[in-house]
C-alpha atoms as a PDB file:
ATOM      1  CA  UNK A   1      72.605  87.082 154.849  1.00  0.00           C
ATOM      2  CA  UNK A   2      73.221  84.147 152.508  1.00  0.00           C
ATOM      3  CA  UNK A   3      74.711  84.994 149.109  1.00  0.00           C
ATOM      4  CA  UNK A   4      72.717  83.489 146.244  1.00  0.00           C
ATOM      5  CA  UNK A   5      74.755  84.728 143.271  1.00  0.00           C
ATOM      6  CA  UNK A   6      77.851  86.815 142.565  1.00  0.00           C
ATOM      7  CA  UNK A   7      77.562  87.816 138.911  1.00  0.00           C
ATOM      8  CA  UNK A   8      80.167  90.283 137.593  1.00  0.00           C
ATOM      9  CA  UNK A   9      79.363  93.548 139.431  1.00  0.00           C
ATOM     10  CA  UNK A  10      76.110  92.276 140.915  1.00  0.00           C
ATOM     11  CA  UNK A  11      75.727  90.477 144.236  1.00  0.00           C
ATOM     12  CA  UNK A  12      72.379  88.859 145.044  1.00  0.00           C
ATOM     13  CA  UNK A  13      71.458  87.703 148.521  1.00  0.00           C
ATOM     14  CA  UNK A  14      68.609  85.554 149.721  1.00  0.00           C
ATOM     15  CA  UNK A  15      66.397  88.531 150.588  1.00  0.00           C
ATOM     16  CA  UNK A  16      66.903  89.905 147.052  1.00  0.00           C
ATOM     17  CA  UNK A  17      65.988  86.558 145.515  1.00  0.00           C
ATOM     18  CA  UNK A  18      62.843  86.358 147.627  1.00  0.00           C
ATOM     19  CA  UNK A  19      61.502  89.565 146.088  1.00  0.00           C
ATOM     20  CA  UNK A  20      60.897  87.454 142.971  1.00  0.00           C
ATOM     21  CA  UNK A  21      58.120  85.635 144.828  1.00  0.00           C
ATOM     22  CA  UNK A  22      54.611  86.406 143.585  1.00  0.00           C
ATOM     23  CA  UNK A  23      53.120  89.490 145.198  1.00  0.00           C
ATOM     24  CA  UNK A  24      56.484  90.983 146.173  1.00  0.00           C
ATOM     25  CA  UNK A  25      57.890  94.267 144.900  1.00  0.00           C
ATOM     26  CA  UNK A  26      61.175  93.337 143.208  1.00  0.00           C
ATOM     27  CA  UNK A  27      64.075  95.365 144.539  1.00  0.00           C
ATOM     28  CA  UNK A  28      66.847  97.334 142.879  1.00  0.00           C
ATOM     29  CA  UNK A  29      69.379  94.507 143.213  1.00  0.00           C
ATOM     30  CA  UNK A  30      67.225  92.196 141.090  1.00  0.00           C
ATOM     31  CA  UNK A  31      66.850  94.908 138.470  1.00  0.00           C
ATOM     32  CA  UNK A  32      70.606  95.554 138.528  1.00  0.00           C
ATOM     33  CA  UNK A  33      71.183  91.840 137.971  1.00  0.00           C
ATOM     34  CA  UNK A  34      68.943  91.900 134.900  1.00  0.00           C
ATOM     35  CA  UNK A  35      70.861  94.877 133.524  1.00  0.00           C
ATOM     36  CA  UNK A  36      74.186  93.154 134.162  1.00  0.00           C
ATOM     37  CA  UNK A  37      72.975  89.996 132.460  1.00  0.00           C
ATOM     38  CA  UNK A  38      71.804  91.943 129.411  1.00  0.00           C
ATOM     39  CA  UNK A  39      75.142  93.769 129.185  1.00  0.00           C
ATOM     40  CA  UNK A  40      77.106  90.527 129.148  1.00  0.00           C
ATOM     41  CA  UNK A  41      74.780  88.600 126.865  1.00  0.00           C
ATOM     42  CA  UNK A  42      72.267  90.369 124.642  1.00  0.00           C
ATOM     43  CA  UNK A  43      74.189  93.652 124.328  1.00  0.00           C
ATOM     44  CA  UNK A  44      77.810  92.500 124.218  1.00  0.00           C
ATOM     45  CA  UNK A  45      78.324  93.918 120.724  1.00  0.00           C
ATOM     46  CA  UNK A  46      76.272  97.088 121.159  1.00  0.00           C
ATOM     47  CA  UNK A  47      78.490  99.723 122.701  1.00  0.00           C
ATOM     48  CA  UNK A  48      75.960 102.397 121.696  1.00  0.00           C
ATOM     49  CA  UNK A  49      73.431 101.200 124.306  1.00  0.00           C
ATOM     50  CA  UNK A  50      73.818 102.214 127.951  1.00  0.00           C
ATOM     51  CA  UNK A  51      71.829 100.655 130.793  1.00  0.00           C
ATOM     52  CA  UNK A  52      71.974 102.635 134.033  1.00  0.00           C
ATOM     53  CA  UNK A  53      71.405 100.848 137.319  1.00  0.00           C
ATOM     54  CA  UNK A  54      68.704 102.303 139.590  1.00  0.00           C
ATOM     55  CA  UNK A  55      71.150 103.902 142.090  1.00  0.00           C
ATOM     56  CA  UNK A  56      72.914 105.740 139.256  1.00  0.00           C
ATOM     57  CA  UNK A  57      69.671 107.086 137.845  1.00  0.00           C
ATOM     58  CA  UNK A  58      68.748 108.172 141.366  1.00  0.00           C
ATOM     59  CA  UNK A  59      71.947 110.230 141.555  1.00  0.00           C
ATOM     60  CA  UNK A  60      71.270 111.803 138.158  1.00  0.00           C
ATOM     61  CA  UNK A  61      67.689 112.560 139.187  1.00  0.00           C
ATOM     62  CA  UNK A  62      68.484 114.354 142.429  1.00  0.00           C
ATOM     63  CA  UNK A  63      72.063 115.659 142.214  1.00  0.00           C
ATOM     64  CA  UNK A  64      73.425 118.946 140.930  1.00  0.00           C
ATOM     65  CA  UNK A  65      74.539 119.079 137.269  1.00  0.00           C
ATOM     66  CA  UNK A  66      78.252 118.870 138.128  1.00  0.00           C
ATOM     67  CA  UNK A  67      77.760 115.588 140.001  1.00  0.00           C
ATOM     68  CA  UNK A  68      75.436 114.165 137.351  1.00  0.00           C
ATOM     69  CA  UNK A  69      77.716 115.119 134.478  1.00  0.00           C
ATOM     70  CA  UNK A  70      80.761 113.613 136.178  1.00  0.00           C
ATOM     71  CA  UNK A  71      78.878 110.364 136.632  1.00  0.00           C
ATOM     72  CA  UNK A  72      77.665 110.318 133.020  1.00  0.00           C
ATOM     73  CA  UNK A  73      81.183 111.080 131.772  1.00  0.00           C
ATOM     74  CA  UNK A  74      82.544 108.146 133.779  1.00  0.00           C
ATOM     75  CA  UNK A  75      80.102 105.908 131.871  1.00  0.00           C
ATOM     76  CA  UNK A  76      81.137 107.350 128.483  1.00  0.00           C
ATOM     77  CA  UNK A  77      77.548 108.458 128.061  1.00  0.00           C
ATOM     78  CA  UNK A  78      78.548 111.100 125.529  1.00  0.00           C
ATOM     79  CA  UNK A  79      79.307 108.274 123.076  1.00  0.00           C
ATOM     80  CA  UNK A  80      75.996 106.429 123.545  1.00  0.00           C
ATOM     81  CA  UNK A  81      72.941 106.587 121.293  1.00  0.00           C
ATOM     82  CA  UNK A  82      70.415 104.822 123.524  1.00  0.00           C
ATOM     83  CA  UNK A  83      70.378 105.467 127.276  1.00  0.00           C
ATOM     84  CA  UNK A  84      67.994 103.493 129.495  1.00  0.00           C
ATOM     85  CA  UNK A  85      67.135 104.700 132.997  1.00  0.00           C
ATOM     86  CA  UNK A  86      65.270 102.626 135.573  1.00  0.00           C
ATOM     87  CA  UNK A  87      63.147 105.159 137.444  1.00  0.00           C
ATOM     88  CA  UNK A  88      61.570 105.070 140.872  1.00  0.00           C
ATOM     89  CA  UNK A  89      59.644 107.609 142.912  1.00  0.00           C
ATOM     90  CA  UNK A  90      61.988 107.741 145.903  1.00  0.00           C
ATOM     91  CA  UNK A  91      62.893 111.303 146.966  1.00  0.00           C
ATOM     92  CA  UNK A  92      66.153 110.164 148.581  1.00  0.00           C
ATOM     93  CA  UNK A  93      69.477 110.789 146.765  1.00  0.00           C
ATOM     94  CA  UNK A  94      71.109 107.890 148.627  1.00  0.00           C
ATOM     95  CA  UNK A  95      68.381 105.235 148.457  1.00  0.00           C
ATOM     96  CA  UNK A  96      66.920 103.819 145.248  1.00  0.00           C
ATOM     97  CA  UNK A  97      63.833 102.209 146.784  1.00  0.00           C
ATOM     98  CA  UNK A  98      60.492 103.950 146.543  1.00  0.00           C
ATOM     99  CA  UNK A  99      57.151 102.405 145.640  1.00  0.00           C
ATOM    100  CA  UNK A 100      57.079 102.299 141.838  1.00  0.00           C
ATOM    101  CA  UNK A 101      59.390 101.387 138.935  1.00  0.00           C
ATOM    102  CA  UNK A 102      59.206 102.601 135.339  1.00  0.00           C
ATOM    103  CA  UNK A 103      61.495 102.932 132.318  1.00  0.00           C
ATOM    104  CA  UNK A 104      62.913 106.065 130.702  1.00  0.00           C
ATOM    105  CA  UNK A 105      64.690 105.921 127.341  1.00  0.00           C
ATOM    106  CA  UNK A 106      66.753 108.800 126.007  1.00  0.00           C
ATOM    107  CA  UNK A 107      67.428 108.348 122.298  1.00  0.00           C
ATOM    108  CA  UNK A 108      70.062 110.459 120.617  1.00  0.00           C
ATOM    109  CA  UNK A 109      69.268 108.772 117.311  1.00  0.00           C
ATOM    110  CA  UNK A 110      65.645 109.926 117.533  1.00  0.00           C
ATOM    111  CA  UNK A 111      66.414 113.081 119.543  1.00  0.00           C
ATOM    112  CA  UNK A 112      63.631 112.118 121.930  1.00  0.00           C
ATOM    113  CA  UNK A 113      62.868 110.900 125.453  1.00  0.00           C
ATOM    114  CA  UNK A 114      60.291 108.172 126.068  1.00  0.00           C
ATOM    115  CA  UNK A 115      58.670 107.144 129.348  1.00  0.00           C
ATOM    116  CA  UNK A 116      57.205 103.643 129.712  1.00  0.00           C
ATOM    117  CA  UNK A 117      55.067 103.391 132.830  1.00  0.00           C
ATOM    118  CA  UNK A 118      52.740 100.473 133.562  1.00  0.00           C
ATOM    119  CA  UNK A 119      50.612 102.715 135.806  1.00  0.00           C
ATOM    120  CA  UNK A 120      48.346 105.199 134.052  1.00  0.00           C
ATOM    121  CA  UNK A 121      48.354 107.416 137.145  1.00  0.00           C
ATOM    122  CA  UNK A 122      51.751 108.761 136.132  1.00  0.00           C
ATOM    123  CA  UNK A 123      53.349 108.079 139.501  1.00  0.00           C
ATOM    124  CA  UNK A 124      56.854 108.586 138.108  1.00  0.00           C
ATOM    125  CA  UNK A 125      56.196 111.617 135.913  1.00  0.00           C
ATOM    126  CA  UNK A 126      58.146 113.946 138.190  1.00  0.00           C
ATOM    127  CA  UNK A 127      61.092 111.540 138.295  1.00  0.00           C
ATOM    128  CA  UNK A 128      61.015 111.251 134.504  1.00  0.00           C
ATOM    129  CA  UNK A 129      61.054 115.026 134.094  1.00  0.00           C
ATOM    130  CA  UNK A 130      63.980 115.458 136.483  1.00  0.00           C
ATOM    131  CA  UNK A 131      66.120 112.861 134.705  1.00  0.00           C
ATOM    132  CA  UNK A 132      65.128 114.152 131.264  1.00  0.00           C
ATOM    133  CA  UNK A 133      66.118 117.685 132.255  1.00  0.00           C
ATOM    134  CA  UNK A 134      69.512 116.482 133.438  1.00  0.00           C
ATOM    135  CA  UNK A 135      70.073 114.551 130.194  1.00  0.00           C
ATOM    136  CA  UNK A 136      69.011 117.551 128.104  1.00  0.00           C
ATOM    137  CA  UNK A 137      71.586 119.694 129.877  1.00  0.00           C
ATOM    138  CA  UNK A 138      74.276 117.040 129.556  1.00  0.00           C
ATOM    139  CA  UNK A 139      73.805 116.609 125.806  1.00  0.00           C
ATOM    140  CA  UNK A 140      72.950 120.285 125.267  1.00  0.00           C
ATOM    141  CA  UNK A 141      69.787 119.189 123.480  1.00  0.00           C
ATOM    142  CA  UNK A 142      66.530 120.788 124.716  1.00  0.00           C
ATOM    143  CA  UNK A 143      64.501 118.161 122.839  1.00  0.00           C
ATOM    144  CA  UNK A 144      65.393 115.570 125.480  1.00  0.00           C
ATOM    145  CA  UNK A 145      63.563 117.565 128.144  1.00  0.00           C
ATOM    146  CA  UNK A 146      60.183 116.856 126.515  1.00  0.00           C
ATOM    147  CA  UNK A 147      59.124 113.479 127.921  1.00  0.00           C
ATOM    148  CA  UNK A 148      56.894 111.501 125.569  1.00  0.00           C
ATOM    149  CA  UNK A 149      54.730 108.962 127.365  1.00  0.00           C
ATOM    150  CA  UNK A 150      54.774 105.782 125.287  1.00  0.00           C
ATOM    151  CA  UNK A 151      51.527 103.815 125.206  1.00  0.00           C
ATOM    152  CA  UNK A 152      52.075 100.564 127.135  1.00  0.00           C
ATOM    153  CA  UNK A 153      49.972  97.879 128.787  1.00  0.00           C
ATOM    154  CA  UNK A 154      48.855  98.591 132.328  1.00  0.00           C
ATOM    155  CA  UNK A 155      49.794  96.371 135.241  1.00  0.00           C
ATOM    156  CA  UNK A 156      46.921  94.436 136.782  1.00  0.00           C
ATOM    157  CA  UNK A 157      48.142  94.435 140.390  1.00  0.00           C
ATOM    158  CA  UNK A 158      50.139  96.627 142.752  1.00  0.00           C
ATOM    159  CA  UNK A 159      53.372  94.620 142.810  1.00  0.00           C
ATOM    160  CA  UNK A 160      54.470  93.967 139.219  1.00  0.00           C
ATOM    161  CA  UNK A 161      55.726  97.406 138.162  1.00  0.00           C
ATOM    162  CA  UNK A 162      59.337  96.226 138.272  1.00  0.00           C
ATOM    163  CA  UNK A 163      58.547  93.110 136.273  1.00  0.00           C
ATOM    164  CA  UNK A 164      56.800  95.139 133.561  1.00  0.00           C
ATOM    165  CA  UNK A 165      59.766  97.511 133.510  1.00  0.00           C
ATOM    166  CA  UNK A 166      62.120  94.577 132.894  1.00  0.00           C
ATOM    167  CA  UNK A 167      59.870  93.165 130.160  1.00  0.00           C
ATOM    168  CA  UNK A 168      59.665  96.565 128.439  1.00  0.00           C
ATOM    169  CA  UNK A 169      63.448  96.967 128.639  1.00  0.00           C
ATOM    170  CA  UNK A 170      64.194  93.533 127.208  1.00  0.00           C
ATOM    171  CA  UNK A 171      61.722  94.069 124.378  1.00  0.00           C
ATOM    172  CA  UNK A 172      63.164  97.435 123.375  1.00  0.00           C
ATOM    173  CA  UNK A 173      66.720  96.095 123.494  1.00  0.00           C
ATOM    174  CA  UNK A 174      65.737  93.203 121.230  1.00  0.00           C
ATOM    175  CA  UNK A 175      64.164  95.648 118.781  1.00  0.00           C
ATOM    176  CA  UNK A 176      67.233  97.876 118.794  1.00  0.00           C
ATOM    177  CA  UNK A 177      69.381  94.869 117.926  1.00  0.00           C
ATOM    178  CA  UNK A 178      67.253  94.568 114.789  1.00  0.00           C
ATOM    179  CA  UNK A 179      67.384  98.330 114.173  1.00  0.00           C
ATOM    180  CA  UNK A 180      63.598  98.348 114.567  1.00  0.00           C
ATOM    181  CA  UNK A 181      62.062 101.506 116.031  1.00  0.00           C
ATOM    182  CA  UNK A 182      58.447 100.835 115.059  1.00  0.00           C
ATOM    183  CA  UNK A 183      57.581 100.651 118.766  1.00  0.00           C
ATOM    184  CA  UNK A 184      57.687 104.445 119.004  1.00  0.00           C
ATOM    185  CA  UNK A 185      54.553 104.533 116.857  1.00  0.00           C
ATOM    186  CA  UNK A 186      52.764 101.359 117.935  1.00  0.00           C
ATOM    187  CA  UNK A 187      53.594 101.404 121.641  1.00  0.00           C
ATOM    188  CA  UNK A 188      53.827  98.233 123.730  1.00  0.00           C
ATOM    189  CA  UNK A 189      50.170  97.336 124.082  1.00  0.00           C
ATOM    190  CA  UNK A 190      49.732  93.724 122.974  1.00  0.00           C
ATOM    191  CA  UNK A 191      48.756  90.820 125.216  1.00  0.00           C
ATOM    192  CA  UNK A 192      52.314  89.555 124.702  1.00  0.00           C
ATOM    193  CA  UNK A 193      53.567  91.884 127.450  1.00  0.00           C
ATOM    194  CA  UNK A 194      51.099  90.585 130.023  1.00  0.00           C
ATOM    195  CA  UNK A 195      52.107  87.027 129.118  1.00  0.00           C
ATOM    196  CA  UNK A 196      55.805  87.811 129.425  1.00  0.00           C
ATOM    197  CA  UNK A 197      55.268  89.498 132.770  1.00  0.00           C
ATOM    198  CA  UNK A 198      53.267  86.557 134.119  1.00  0.00           C
ATOM    199  CA  UNK A 199      56.203  84.186 133.555  1.00  0.00           C
ATOM    200  CA  UNK A 200      59.122  86.560 134.173  1.00  0.00           C
ATOM    201  CA  UNK A 201      59.476  86.007 137.926  1.00  0.00           C
ATOM    202  CA  UNK A 202      59.886  82.254 137.494  1.00  0.00           C
ATOM    203  CA  UNK A 203      62.201  82.617 134.504  1.00  0.00           C
ATOM    204  CA  UNK A 204      64.446  84.967 136.492  1.00  0.00           C
ATOM    205  CA  UNK A 205      64.489  82.547 139.416  1.00  0.00           C
ATOM    206  CA  UNK A 206      65.536  79.757 137.055  1.00  0.00           C
ATOM    207  CA  UNK A 207      68.208  81.932 135.434  1.00  0.00           C
ATOM    208  CA  UNK A 208      69.704  82.963 138.775  1.00  0.00           C
ATOM    209  CA  UNK A 209      69.660  79.378 140.022  1.00  0.00           C
ATOM    210  CA  UNK A 210      71.374  78.126 136.867  1.00  0.00           C
ATOM    211  CA  UNK A 211      74.099  80.778 137.093  1.00  0.00           C
ATOM    212  CA  UNK A 212      74.746  79.993 140.738  1.00  0.00           C
ATOM    213  CA  UNK A 213      75.103  76.236 140.251  1.00  0.00           C
END
């Protein structure tokens, strides 16, 4: 399969890139690219923020505590204040696919766990609880096990869950750079998020194309 972009630890192929087409469910490699781009651009000076790629969150969700803790230690998670997990509803410990993406934020600064899900059905609630429980054990803080569902806009089709997850992540990271945590009270409910989602597929295509040229 043709390689489209090799960006730090992320390799994108043509079939990954094509999941950015309208109506497609974006895959874990596209999401991992976004995380890698944020690490090397927006978050370069914020060592207190940790973004976990979907396969890593999948391991934490479904593995025993010893395995999960070893993985988190390897990422220096104990020194992080804000830990973002990209969740999916896959039951497989070796595959990060599934049918729905959402965002889980564990905040040591706020001693809280927030779930941002663009589907009101709560498709990823079980996944959120499993990851939150693992993080609560890791940090020895029972407060992290209580998952607070943050009020967010709802997706208007069946394919944009991953795009909304990316938009939510980028917004929260930008707020954290400004030390602004007002979102925990207001939620992410403005029309702005629908607008950002509507243009995000094309903007990611343009970004990937520019980095590959």
